[in-house]
Amino acid sequence: MNKKQLFICITILVSIFTIGSIILYILQKNDFSNYMIIKTQESCYKVNAYGKSKKIDNNEFAQVNNKVYSITNCFESYINRDKNEALNKINQENFNIFIESNQDSELVDIINEIANLKHDLFDVKMICTEKDNYYVSVYLNTNWICPSDLYIYDKNEKKLKLIFETCNETILDVNENNFIY
């Protein structure tokens, strides 16, 4: 086999591998065997492990025994004139009251992470599930639209990870009974 034939064979193999990888990725991204259901004030969404979502019938959301904390009053938004950004800081008095009434060490770290988000916070909820996962629902004021984002708190990295976005809908609850994080 000469160099030209070897090059063609390698190119074909790499192409087949690349196309196969792309097809596998697309199939996995559309796999809803591992999913959670997110309930908003208007709709329900099935969200898979890859962050892909689809609207579903509201009857598919089964009630769960999650703890839902409204923590909007723990934050104050302000304008940073140097950066021309709306930022947040913790309202220490409300934060202390909340932490004293909820003895959970994870809450302090989560609230500090939320304070790092940009834009005015209209509504902030923390959802603690039966599987002891923490989700943060944030309804933002960005002037033109009001995004509603759902984050999961990664306990290992101590970071919020965005898993779902919608617009002008308040996220109310999460059912993760079919979800493995």
N, C-alpha and C. Protein backbone atom coordinates (compact mmCIF):
# COMPACT_ATOMS: atom_id res chain seq x y z
N MET A 1 0.86 -1.17 0.00
CA MET A 1 0.00 0.00 0.00
C MET A 1 0.90 1.23 0.00
N ASN A 2 0.66 2.12 -0.95
CA ASN A 2 1.49 3.32 -1.00
C ASN A 2 0.94 4.41 -0.08
N LYS A 3 1.63 5.51 0.01
CA LYS A 3 1.26 6.60 0.92
C LYS A 3 -0.11 7.19 0.58
N LYS A 4 -0.41 7.30 -0.70
CA LYS A 4 -1.68 7.89 -1.13
C LYS A 4 -2.85 7.01 -0.69
N GLN A 5 -2.73 5.70 -0.87
CA GLN A 5 -3.79 4.78 -0.46
C GLN A 5 -3.95 4.77 1.07
N LEU A 6 -2.84 4.81 1.77
CA LEU A 6 -2.87 4.86 3.23
C LEU A 6 -3.58 6.13 3.72
N PHE A 7 -3.25 7.25 3.09
CA PHE A 7 -3.89 8.52 3.44
C PHE A 7 -5.40 8.47 3.20
N ILE A 8 -5.81 7.91 2.08
CA ILE A 8 -7.25 7.79 1.75
C ILE A 8 -7.95 6.89 2.77
N CYS A 9 -7.33 5.77 3.13
CA CYS A 9 -7.92 4.86 4.11
C CYS A 9 -8.08 5.55 5.48
N ILE A 10 -7.05 6.24 5.91
CA ILE A 10 -7.11 6.95 7.20
C ILE A 10 -8.18 8.04 7.15
N THR A 11 -8.26 8.77 6.04
CA THR A 11 -9.26 9.83 5.90
C THR A 11 -10.67 9.24 5.95
N ILE A 12 -10.90 8.13 5.31
CA ILE A 12 -12.22 7.48 5.33
C ILE A 12 -12.56 7.01 6.73
N LEU A 13 -11.62 6.40 7.43
CA LEU A 13 -11.86 5.93 8.80
C LEU A 13 -12.17 7.09 9.75
N VAL A 14 -11.41 8.16 9.63
CA VAL A 14 -11.65 9.33 10.48
C VAL A 14 -13.03 9.92 10.17
N SER A 15 -13.39 9.98 8.91
CA SER A 15 -14.70 10.52 8.52
C SER A 15 -15.83 9.65 9.08
N ILE A 16 -15.70 8.34 8.96
CA ILE A 16 -16.72 7.43 9.49
C ILE A 16 -16.84 7.60 11.01
N PHE A 17 -15.70 7.67 11.69
CA PHE A 17 -15.71 7.84 13.15
C PHE A 17 -16.37 9.17 13.53
N THR A 18 -16.04 10.24 12.82
CA THR A 18 -16.60 11.56 13.11
C THR A 18 -18.12 11.57 12.88
N ILE A 19 -18.57 11.05 11.77
CA ILE A 19 -20.00 11.01 11.47
C ILE A 19 -20.72 10.14 12.51
N GLY A 20 -20.13 9.01 12.86
CA GLY A 20 -20.73 8.15 13.89
C GLY A 20 -20.84 8.85 15.23
N SER A 21 -19.81 9.60 15.59
CA SER A 21 -19.83 10.34 16.85
C SER A 21 -20.93 11.41 16.85
N ILE A 22 -21.08 12.08 15.74
CA ILE A 22 -22.11 13.12 15.62
C ILE A 22 -23.50 12.49 15.73
N ILE A 23 -23.72 11.39 15.06
CA ILE A 23 -25.02 10.71 15.12
C ILE A 23 -25.30 10.24 16.54
N LEU A 24 -24.31 9.66 17.19
CA LEU A 24 -24.48 9.21 18.57
C LEU A 24 -24.82 10.38 19.50
N TYR A 25 -24.14 11.51 19.33
CA TYR A 25 -24.41 12.70 20.13
C TYR A 25 -25.84 13.18 19.93
N ILE A 26 -26.30 13.22 18.69
CA ILE A 26 -27.67 13.67 18.39
C ILE A 26 -28.68 12.71 19.02
N LEU A 27 -28.43 11.43 18.90
CA LEU A 27 -29.35 10.45 19.50
C LEU A 27 -29.38 10.58 21.02
N GLN A 28 -28.22 10.77 21.65
CA GLN A 28 -28.19 10.93 23.09
C GLN A 28 -28.89 12.21 23.53
N LYS A 29 -28.67 13.28 22.79
CA LYS A 29 -29.27 14.57 23.15
C LYS A 29 -30.80 14.50 23.11
N ASN A 30 -31.35 13.66 22.25
CA ASN A 30 -32.80 13.52 22.14
C ASN A 30 -33.35 12.38 22.99
N ASP A 31 -32.51 11.80 23.84
CA ASP A 31 -32.93 10.70 24.71
C ASP A 31 -33.59 11.28 25.96
N PHE A 32 -34.84 10.92 26.17
CA PHE A 32 -35.58 11.40 27.34
C PHE A 32 -35.83 10.28 28.35
N SER A 33 -34.95 9.28 28.40
CA SER A 33 -35.12 8.23 29.40
C SER A 33 -34.68 8.73 30.79
N ASN A 34 -33.80 9.71 30.85
CA ASN A 34 -33.36 10.34 32.09
C ASN A 34 -33.83 11.79 32.03
N TYR A 35 -34.89 12.10 32.76
CA TYR A 35 -35.47 13.44 32.64
C TYR A 35 -36.06 13.92 33.96
N MET A 36 -36.27 15.21 34.03
CA MET A 36 -37.01 15.81 35.13
C MET A 36 -38.18 16.59 34.51
N ILE A 37 -39.16 16.87 35.32
CA ILE A 37 -40.29 17.68 34.86
C ILE A 37 -40.27 18.99 35.64
N ILE A 38 -40.34 20.07 34.91
CA ILE A 38 -40.33 21.40 35.51
C ILE A 38 -41.71 22.02 35.33
N LYS A 39 -42.26 22.50 36.42
CA LYS A 39 -43.58 23.12 36.39
C LYS A 39 -43.43 24.62 36.48
N THR A 40 -44.03 25.33 35.52
CA THR A 40 -44.08 26.78 35.58
C THR A 40 -45.53 27.17 35.86
N GLN A 41 -45.78 28.45 35.97
CA GLN A 41 -47.15 28.88 36.25
C GLN A 41 -48.08 28.59 35.09
N GLU A 42 -47.54 28.39 33.89
CA GLU A 42 -48.38 28.16 32.72
C GLU A 42 -48.24 26.79 32.09
N SER A 43 -47.09 26.16 32.20
CA SER A 43 -46.82 24.93 31.46
C SER A 43 -45.97 23.98 32.28
N CYS A 44 -45.75 22.81 31.70
CA CYS A 44 -44.78 21.85 32.23
C CYS A 44 -43.83 21.48 31.11
N TYR A 45 -42.60 21.22 31.49
CA TYR A 45 -41.56 20.87 30.52
C TYR A 45 -40.83 19.63 30.99
N LYS A 46 -40.55 18.75 30.06
CA LYS A 46 -39.70 17.60 30.32
C LYS A 46 -38.30 18.01 29.86
N VAL A 47 -37.31 17.90 30.75
CA VAL A 47 -35.94 18.30 30.45
C VAL A 47 -35.04 17.08 30.65
N ASN A 48 -34.26 16.76 29.61
CA ASN A 48 -33.39 15.59 29.74
C ASN A 48 -32.03 15.98 30.32
N ALA A 49 -31.17 15.00 30.51
CA ALA A 49 -29.87 15.20 31.14
C ALA A 49 -28.95 16.09 30.32
N TYR A 50 -29.28 16.32 29.04
CA TYR A 50 -28.45 17.16 28.17
C TYR A 50 -29.00 18.58 28.06
N GLY A 51 -30.06 18.87 28.82
CA GLY A 51 -30.63 20.22 28.82
C GLY A 51 -31.66 20.47 27.74
N LYS A 52 -31.99 19.47 26.96
CA LYS A 52 -33.01 19.64 25.92
C LYS A 52 -34.38 19.53 26.58
N SER A 53 -35.28 20.41 26.19
CA SER A 53 -36.61 20.42 26.81
C SER A 53 -37.70 20.33 25.76
N LYS A 54 -38.84 19.85 26.23
CA LYS A 54 -40.03 19.86 25.39
C LYS A 54 -41.25 20.07 26.29
N LYS A 55 -42.19 20.84 25.77
CA LYS A 55 -43.41 21.13 26.51
C LYS A 55 -44.27 19.87 26.57
N ILE A 56 -44.85 19.61 27.74
CA ILE A 56 -45.69 18.43 27.92
C ILE A 56 -47.01 18.84 28.57
N ASP A 57 -47.92 17.91 28.65
CA ASP A 57 -49.22 18.13 29.28
C ASP A 57 -49.02 18.37 30.78
N ASN A 58 -49.74 19.32 31.34
CA ASN A 58 -49.60 19.65 32.77
C ASN A 58 -49.92 18.48 33.68
N ASN A 59 -50.71 17.53 33.21
CA ASN A 59 -51.08 16.37 34.04
C ASN A 59 -49.91 15.43 34.29
N GLU A 60 -48.82 15.57 33.54
CA GLU A 60 -47.67 14.70 33.73
C GLU A 60 -46.84 15.08 34.95
N PHE A 61 -47.11 16.25 35.53
CA PHE A 61 -46.36 16.66 36.72
C PHE A 61 -47.05 16.07 37.94
N ALA A 62 -46.38 15.12 38.59
CA ALA A 62 -46.91 14.53 39.81
C ALA A 62 -46.37 15.34 41.00
N GLN A 63 -47.25 15.65 41.93
CA GLN A 63 -46.84 16.41 43.11
C GLN A 63 -45.76 15.67 43.87
N VAL A 64 -44.82 16.40 44.38
CA VAL A 64 -43.72 15.85 45.17
C VAL A 64 -43.61 16.65 46.47
N ASN A 65 -42.85 16.12 47.40
CA ASN A 65 -42.70 16.78 48.71
C ASN A 65 -41.41 17.57 48.77
N ASN A 66 -41.26 18.51 47.87
CA ASN A 66 -40.09 19.38 47.88
C ASN A 66 -40.28 20.51 48.87
N LYS A 67 -39.18 20.97 49.43
CA LYS A 67 -39.22 22.19 50.23
C LYS A 67 -38.93 23.34 49.28
N VAL A 68 -39.81 24.33 49.25
CA VAL A 68 -39.61 25.49 48.38
C VAL A 68 -39.45 26.72 49.27
N TYR A 69 -38.30 27.36 49.13
CA TYR A 69 -38.00 28.55 49.92
C TYR A 69 -38.08 29.77 49.00
N SER A 70 -38.85 30.76 49.39
CA SER A 70 -38.83 32.03 48.67
C SER A 70 -37.77 32.90 49.33
N ILE A 71 -36.75 33.26 48.57
CA ILE A 71 -35.62 33.98 49.17
C ILE A 71 -35.33 35.30 48.44
N THR A 72 -36.32 35.83 47.76
CA THR A 72 -36.12 37.08 47.02
C THR A 72 -35.63 38.19 47.93
N ASN A 73 -36.16 38.25 49.14
CA ASN A 73 -35.80 39.34 50.05
C ASN A 73 -34.39 39.22 50.62
N CYS A 74 -33.67 38.16 50.29
CA CYS A 74 -32.27 38.02 50.74
C CYS A 74 -31.31 38.80 49.85
N PHE A 75 -31.83 39.42 48.77
CA PHE A 75 -30.95 40.08 47.81
C PHE A 75 -31.39 41.51 47.54
N GLU A 76 -30.40 42.34 47.26
CA GLU A 76 -30.65 43.72 46.82
C GLU A 76 -29.87 43.93 45.53
N SER A 77 -30.54 44.45 44.53
CA SER A 77 -29.86 44.73 43.26
C SER A 77 -29.35 46.17 43.27
N TYR A 78 -28.26 46.38 42.57
CA TYR A 78 -27.71 47.73 42.44
C TYR A 78 -27.03 47.84 41.09
N ILE A 79 -26.82 49.06 40.66
CA ILE A 79 -26.15 49.31 39.38
C ILE A 79 -24.69 49.62 39.64
N ASN A 80 -23.81 48.85 39.02
CA ASN A 80 -22.38 49.12 39.07
C ASN A 80 -22.09 50.06 37.90
N ARG A 81 -21.90 51.32 38.18
CA ARG A 81 -21.71 52.34 37.13
C ARG A 81 -20.42 52.11 36.33
N ASP A 82 -19.39 51.59 36.98
CA ASP A 82 -18.13 51.35 36.28
C ASP A 82 -18.30 50.28 35.19
N LYS A 83 -19.04 49.23 35.52
CA LYS A 83 -19.24 48.13 34.57
C LYS A 83 -20.55 48.26 33.79
N ASN A 84 -21.40 49.21 34.21
CA ASN A 84 -22.71 49.41 33.61
C ASN A 84 -23.52 48.11 33.64
N GLU A 85 -23.57 47.50 34.83
CA GLU A 85 -24.26 46.22 35.01
C GLU A 85 -25.13 46.28 36.26
N ALA A 86 -26.24 45.54 36.21
CA ALA A 86 -27.05 45.34 37.40
C ALA A 86 -26.51 44.12 38.14
N LEU A 87 -26.07 44.34 39.35
CA LEU A 87 -25.49 43.27 40.16
C LEU A 87 -26.31 43.09 41.43
N ASN A 88 -25.96 42.10 42.22
CA ASN A 88 -26.71 41.80 43.44
C ASN A 88 -25.77 41.69 44.63
N LYS A 89 -26.33 42.02 45.77
CA LYS A 89 -25.61 41.78 47.02
C LYS A 89 -26.61 41.20 48.01
N ILE A 90 -26.08 40.57 49.02
CA ILE A 90 -26.94 39.93 50.02
C ILE A 90 -27.43 40.96 51.01
N ASN A 91 -28.73 40.95 51.29
CA ASN A 91 -29.32 41.76 52.34
C ASN A 91 -29.05 41.00 53.64
N GLN A 92 -28.08 41.46 54.39
CA GLN A 92 -27.56 40.71 55.53
C GLN A 92 -28.63 40.42 56.59
N GLU A 93 -29.50 41.38 56.86
CA GLU A 93 -30.53 41.18 57.88
C GLU A 93 -31.48 40.06 57.49
N ASN A 94 -32.02 40.11 56.26
CA ASN A 94 -32.94 39.07 55.80
C ASN A 94 -32.24 37.72 55.63
N PHE A 95 -31.00 37.76 55.19
CA PHE A 95 -30.20 36.55 55.05
C PHE A 95 -30.04 35.86 56.41
N ASN A 96 -29.67 36.62 57.44
CA ASN A 96 -29.48 36.05 58.77
C ASN A 96 -30.76 35.43 59.31
N ILE A 97 -31.89 36.11 59.11
CA ILE A 97 -33.19 35.57 59.56
C ILE A 97 -33.48 34.26 58.86
N PHE A 98 -33.25 34.22 57.55
CA PHE A 98 -33.51 33.01 56.78
C PHE A 98 -32.61 31.86 57.23
N ILE A 99 -31.34 32.11 57.40
CA ILE A 99 -30.40 31.06 57.78
C ILE A 99 -30.70 30.55 59.20
N GLU A 100 -31.06 31.46 60.12
CA GLU A 100 -31.38 31.04 61.49
C GLU A 100 -32.60 30.12 61.53
N SER A 101 -33.56 30.37 60.66
CA SER A 101 -34.78 29.56 60.67
C SER A 101 -34.65 28.29 59.83
N ASN A 102 -33.58 28.15 59.09
CA ASN A 102 -33.37 26.96 58.24
C ASN A 102 -31.94 26.46 58.45
N GLN A 103 -31.79 25.57 59.37
CA GLN A 103 -30.47 25.06 59.73
C GLN A 103 -29.96 24.07 58.69
N ASP A 104 -29.37 24.59 57.64
CA ASP A 104 -28.84 23.76 56.56
C ASP A 104 -27.57 24.43 56.04
N SER A 105 -26.44 23.77 56.18
CA SER A 105 -25.15 24.39 55.82
C SER A 105 -25.03 24.69 54.33
N GLU A 106 -25.74 23.95 53.48
CA GLU A 106 -25.68 24.18 52.03
C GLU A 106 -26.29 25.54 51.65
N LEU A 107 -27.26 26.01 52.41
CA LEU A 107 -27.99 27.21 52.05
C LEU A 107 -27.10 28.44 51.96
N VAL A 108 -26.13 28.56 52.83
CA VAL A 108 -25.23 29.71 52.83
C VAL A 108 -24.45 29.76 51.52
N ASP A 109 -23.88 28.63 51.12
CA ASP A 109 -23.11 28.58 49.88
C ASP A 109 -23.99 28.87 48.67
N ILE A 110 -25.20 28.34 48.68
CA ILE A 110 -26.11 28.54 47.54
C ILE A 110 -26.48 30.01 47.43
N ILE A 111 -26.81 30.63 48.53
CA ILE A 111 -27.20 32.05 48.50
C ILE A 111 -26.02 32.92 48.04
N ASN A 112 -24.82 32.59 48.46
CA ASN A 112 -23.65 33.34 47.98
C ASN A 112 -23.47 33.17 46.48
N GLU A 113 -23.76 32.01 45.95
CA GLU A 113 -23.68 31.78 44.49
C GLU A 113 -24.75 32.60 43.76
N ILE A 114 -25.94 32.64 44.30
CA ILE A 114 -27.03 33.40 43.66
C ILE A 114 -26.67 34.88 43.59
N ALA A 115 -26.03 35.38 44.62
CA ALA A 115 -25.65 36.80 44.65
C ALA A 115 -24.71 37.16 43.50
N ASN A 116 -24.02 36.17 42.93
CA ASN A 116 -23.11 36.43 41.81
C ASN A 116 -23.82 36.59 40.47
N LEU A 117 -25.12 36.28 40.43
CA LEU A 117 -25.86 36.41 39.17
C LEU A 117 -26.05 37.89 38.83
N LYS A 118 -26.09 38.17 37.54
CA LYS A 118 -26.28 39.54 37.08
C LYS A 118 -27.76 39.77 36.78
N HIS A 119 -28.16 41.02 36.78
CA HIS A 119 -29.53 41.51 36.54
C HIS A 119 -30.32 41.55 37.85
N ASP A 120 -31.34 42.37 37.83
CA ASP A 120 -32.23 42.54 38.96
C ASP A 120 -33.01 41.24 39.17
N LEU A 121 -33.08 40.76 40.40
CA LEU A 121 -33.77 39.52 40.71
C LEU A 121 -35.21 39.82 41.13
N PHE A 122 -36.18 39.48 40.27
CA PHE A 122 -37.59 39.68 40.59
C PHE A 122 -38.08 38.65 41.61
N ASP A 123 -37.76 37.41 41.35
CA ASP A 123 -38.28 36.32 42.18
C ASP A 123 -37.20 35.24 42.26
N VAL A 124 -36.87 34.84 43.46
CA VAL A 124 -35.86 33.80 43.65
C VAL A 124 -36.45 32.74 44.58
N LYS A 125 -36.42 31.50 44.09
CA LYS A 125 -36.88 30.36 44.89
C LYS A 125 -35.76 29.33 44.93
N MET A 126 -35.67 28.69 46.07
CA MET A 126 -34.76 27.56 46.20
C MET A 126 -35.64 26.34 46.46
N ILE A 127 -35.37 25.27 45.72
CA ILE A 127 -36.15 24.05 45.83
C ILE A 127 -35.23 22.93 46.29
N CYS A 128 -35.55 22.34 47.44
CA CYS A 128 -34.80 21.20 47.95
C CYS A 128 -35.68 19.98 47.73
N THR A 129 -35.18 19.02 46.94
CA THR A 129 -35.98 17.86 46.57
C THR A 129 -35.85 16.73 47.57
N GLU A 130 -36.70 15.72 47.39
CA GLU A 130 -36.67 14.54 48.24
C GLU A 130 -35.34 13.80 48.10
N LYS A 131 -34.67 13.96 46.95
CA LYS A 131 -33.36 13.33 46.73
C LYS A 131 -32.23 14.20 47.26
N ASP A 132 -32.58 15.26 47.98
CA ASP A 132 -31.61 16.17 48.60
C ASP A 132 -30.76 16.93 47.58
N ASN A 133 -31.35 17.23 46.43
CA ASN A 133 -30.72 18.11 45.45
C ASN A 133 -31.33 19.50 45.60
N TYR A 134 -30.54 20.50 45.29
CA TYR A 134 -30.99 21.88 45.40
C TYR A 134 -31.09 22.50 44.01
N TYR A 135 -32.21 23.13 43.76
CA TYR A 135 -32.44 23.86 42.51
C TYR A 135 -32.73 25.31 42.87
N VAL A 136 -32.34 26.20 42.00
CA VAL A 136 -32.60 27.62 42.21
C VAL A 136 -33.33 28.14 40.98
N SER A 137 -34.49 28.70 41.24
CA SER A 137 -35.29 29.31 40.19
C SER A 137 -35.15 30.82 40.32
N VAL A 138 -34.72 31.46 39.23
CA VAL A 138 -34.48 32.90 39.26
C VAL A 138 -35.25 33.56 38.12
N TYR A 139 -36.09 34.51 38.48
CA TYR A 139 -36.84 35.29 37.50
C TYR A 139 -36.17 36.66 37.45
N LEU A 140 -35.60 36.99 36.29
CA LEU A 140 -34.75 38.17 36.17
C LEU A 140 -35.44 39.34 35.47
N ASN A 141 -35.04 40.54 35.83
CA ASN A 141 -35.46 41.73 35.13
C ASN A 141 -34.30 42.17 34.24
N THR A 142 -34.47 41.99 32.93
CA THR A 142 -33.41 42.40 32.00
C THR A 142 -33.91 43.52 31.10
N ASN A 143 -34.95 44.20 31.51
CA ASN A 143 -35.58 45.34 30.84
C ASN A 143 -36.50 44.93 29.69
N TRP A 144 -36.01 44.20 28.70
CA TRP A 144 -36.83 43.88 27.54
C TRP A 144 -37.62 42.60 27.71
N ILE A 145 -37.01 41.62 28.30
CA ILE A 145 -37.67 40.34 28.55
C ILE A 145 -37.39 39.95 29.98
N CYS A 146 -38.11 38.96 30.45
CA CYS A 146 -37.89 38.47 31.81
C CYS A 146 -37.58 36.98 31.77
N PRO A 147 -36.31 36.64 31.64
CA PRO A 147 -35.96 35.23 31.62
C PRO A 147 -36.18 34.58 32.97
N SER A 148 -36.57 33.34 32.92
CA SER A 148 -36.71 32.54 34.13
C SER A 148 -35.77 31.36 33.97
N ASP A 149 -34.77 31.30 34.81
CA ASP A 149 -33.73 30.29 34.69
C ASP A 149 -33.79 29.34 35.87
N LEU A 150 -33.47 28.08 35.59
CA LEU A 150 -33.39 27.09 36.65
C LEU A 150 -31.97 26.55 36.69
N TYR A 151 -31.41 26.58 37.88
CA TYR A 151 -30.05 26.08 38.11
C TYR A 151 -30.12 24.89 39.05
N ILE A 152 -29.18 23.99 38.91
CA ILE A 152 -28.98 22.95 39.91
C ILE A 152 -27.69 23.31 40.64
N TYR A 153 -27.69 23.10 41.93
CA TYR A 153 -26.49 23.38 42.72
C TYR A 153 -25.64 22.13 42.76
N ASP A 154 -24.45 22.22 42.21
CA ASP A 154 -23.49 21.13 42.21
C ASP A 154 -22.75 21.17 43.54
N LYS A 155 -23.03 20.21 44.41
CA LYS A 155 -22.45 20.20 45.76
C LYS A 155 -20.95 19.97 45.74
N ASN A 156 -20.46 19.25 44.76
CA ASN A 156 -19.02 18.98 44.69
C ASN A 156 -18.24 20.22 44.30
N GLU A 157 -18.72 20.91 43.26
CA GLU A 157 -18.04 22.11 42.78
C GLU A 157 -18.48 23.37 43.50
N LYS A 158 -19.58 23.26 44.26
CA LYS A 158 -20.18 24.41 44.96
C LYS A 158 -20.49 25.54 43.98
N LYS A 159 -21.13 25.17 42.86
CA LYS A 159 -21.49 26.11 41.80
C LYS A 159 -22.91 25.85 41.33
N LEU A 160 -23.54 26.91 40.85
CA LEU A 160 -24.83 26.77 40.20
C LEU A 160 -24.59 26.45 38.73
N LYS A 161 -25.35 25.48 38.21
CA LYS A 161 -25.25 25.12 36.80
C LYS A 161 -26.61 25.30 36.16
N LEU A 162 -26.64 26.11 35.12
CA LEU A 162 -27.88 26.39 34.40
C LEU A 162 -28.36 25.13 33.70
N ILE A 163 -29.62 24.73 33.94
CA ILE A 163 -30.13 23.53 33.29
C ILE A 163 -31.39 23.79 32.47
N PHE A 164 -32.04 24.95 32.66
CA PHE A 164 -33.29 25.21 31.93
C PHE A 164 -33.52 26.71 31.87
N GLU A 165 -34.01 27.16 30.71
CA GLU A 165 -34.33 28.57 30.52
C GLU A 165 -35.71 28.69 29.87
N THR A 166 -36.49 29.62 30.35
CA THR A 166 -37.75 29.96 29.70
C THR A 166 -37.91 31.47 29.83
N CYS A 167 -38.95 32.01 29.23
CA CYS A 167 -39.12 33.45 29.25
C CYS A 167 -40.52 33.82 29.73
N ASN A 168 -40.59 34.77 30.63
CA ASN A 168 -41.85 35.30 31.16
C ASN A 168 -42.73 34.24 31.81
N GLU A 169 -42.13 33.23 32.39
CA GLU A 169 -42.85 32.21 33.14
C GLU A 169 -42.11 32.00 34.46
N THR A 170 -42.82 31.98 35.54
CA THR A 170 -42.21 31.71 36.83
C THR A 170 -42.14 30.20 37.05
N ILE A 171 -40.95 29.71 37.36
CA ILE A 171 -40.78 28.29 37.65
C ILE A 171 -41.26 28.03 39.07
N LEU A 172 -42.16 27.05 39.22
CA LEU A 172 -42.76 26.79 40.51
C LEU A 172 -42.17 25.59 41.24
N ASP A 173 -41.89 24.51 40.50
CA ASP A 173 -41.44 23.29 41.17
C ASP A 173 -40.73 22.37 40.19
N VAL A 174 -40.11 21.34 40.75
CA VAL A 174 -39.34 20.37 39.97
C VAL A 174 -39.72 18.97 40.45
N ASN A 175 -39.93 18.06 39.50
CA ASN A 175 -40.12 16.66 39.84
C ASN A 175 -38.96 15.91 39.20
N GLU A 176 -38.07 15.40 40.02
CA GLU A 176 -36.89 14.72 39.50
C GLU A 176 -36.94 13.21 39.73
N ASN A 177 -38.15 12.65 39.88
CA ASN A 177 -38.27 11.22 40.16
C ASN A 177 -37.66 10.34 39.08
N ASN A 178 -37.61 10.82 37.83
CA ASN A 178 -37.02 10.05 36.74
C ASN A 178 -35.68 10.60 36.31
N PHE A 179 -35.03 11.34 37.21
CA PHE A 179 -33.78 12.01 36.84
C PHE A 179 -32.64 11.53 37.72
N ILE A 180 -31.53 11.21 37.07
CA ILE A 180 -30.32 10.84 37.78
C ILE A 180 -29.28 11.89 37.45
N TYR A 181 -28.85 12.62 38.47
CA TYR A 181 -27.87 13.68 38.26
C TYR A 181 -26.50 13.15 38.54
